[in-house]
């Protein structure tokens, strides 16, 4: 599953630094907050095709409209 075009641009510009990321729905509501040692790798991992991805994560990723 790849990210929609607007999200690809955001993901491309995420630094490879530790920090917190927030996923927002179309209603501009926060649907997930996470932390990572490498923000770029963690956020990118949600949009890569992985066989071990669970159903809950797939639903979350479909709802993501914006990332901070």
Protein backbone atom coordinates (compact mmCIF):
# COMPACT_ATOMS: atom_id res chain seq x y z
CA UNK A 1 0.00 0.00 0.00
CA UNK A 2 1.57 3.28 -1.03
CA UNK A 3 0.72 6.68 0.38
CA UNK A 4 -1.48 9.10 -1.56
CA UNK A 5 0.45 11.81 -3.44
CA UNK A 6 -0.01 14.60 -0.82
CA UNK A 7 1.24 12.27 1.92
CA UNK A 8 4.22 11.17 -0.19
CA UNK A 9 5.45 14.77 -0.22
CA UNK A 10 5.13 15.00 3.58
CA UNK A 11 6.91 11.66 4.08
CA UNK A 12 9.74 12.72 1.76
CA UNK A 13 10.40 15.77 3.95
CA UNK A 14 10.30 14.04 7.35
CA UNK A 15 13.71 14.14 9.06
CA UNK A 16 15.59 11.03 10.16
CA UNK A 17 15.53 12.23 13.76
CA UNK A 18 13.80 11.09 16.94
CA UNK A 19 10.41 12.63 17.59
CA UNK A 20 6.64 12.38 17.71
CA UNK A 21 4.30 11.99 14.74
CA UNK A 22 0.55 12.55 14.52
CA UNK A 23 -1.88 11.11 11.99
CA UNK A 24 -5.05 13.04 11.20
CA UNK A 25 -8.32 11.93 9.59
CA UNK A 26 -10.24 13.80 6.90
CA UNK A 27 -12.17 15.49 9.74
CA UNK A 28 -8.85 16.89 11.03
CA UNK A 29 -9.12 14.73 14.16
CA UNK A 30 -6.01 13.06 15.56
CA UNK A 31 -6.39 9.33 14.97
CA UNK A 32 -2.92 8.22 16.12
CA UNK A 33 0.09 9.62 17.95
CA UNK A 34 3.38 7.76 17.93
CA UNK A 35 7.03 8.25 18.73
CA UNK A 36 10.11 7.01 16.95
CA UNK A 37 13.88 7.05 17.05
CA UNK A 38 13.84 7.68 13.29
CA UNK A 39 10.67 9.47 12.19
CA UNK A 40 11.20 8.94 8.45
CA UNK A 41 11.64 5.16 8.79
CA UNK A 42 8.70 4.74 11.17
CA UNK A 43 6.20 6.81 9.21
CA UNK A 44 7.31 5.28 5.89
CA UNK A 45 6.85 1.79 7.32
CA UNK A 46 3.09 2.33 7.64
CA UNK A 47 2.81 2.74 3.88
CA UNK A 48 5.07 -0.12 2.77
CA UNK A 49 3.68 -3.46 1.69
CA UNK A 50 4.26 -5.86 4.54
CA UNK A 51 2.72 -9.26 4.98
CA UNK A 52 2.77 -9.01 8.77
CA UNK A 53 0.60 -5.87 8.77
CA UNK A 54 -2.54 -6.48 10.79
CA UNK A 55 -6.13 -5.53 9.98
CA UNK A 56 -6.22 -2.71 12.55
CA UNK A 57 -3.17 -1.04 10.98
CA UNK A 58 -4.61 -1.32 7.46
CA UNK A 59 -7.79 0.45 8.61
CA UNK A 60 -5.74 3.18 10.32
CA UNK A 61 -3.60 3.78 7.23
CA UNK A 62 -6.69 4.11 5.01
CA UNK A 63 -7.99 6.89 7.26
CA UNK A 64 -4.78 8.97 7.30
CA UNK A 65 -5.21 12.26 5.44
CA UNK A 66 -2.49 14.39 7.03
CA UNK A 67 0.74 13.81 9.00
CA UNK A 68 2.58 16.13 11.37
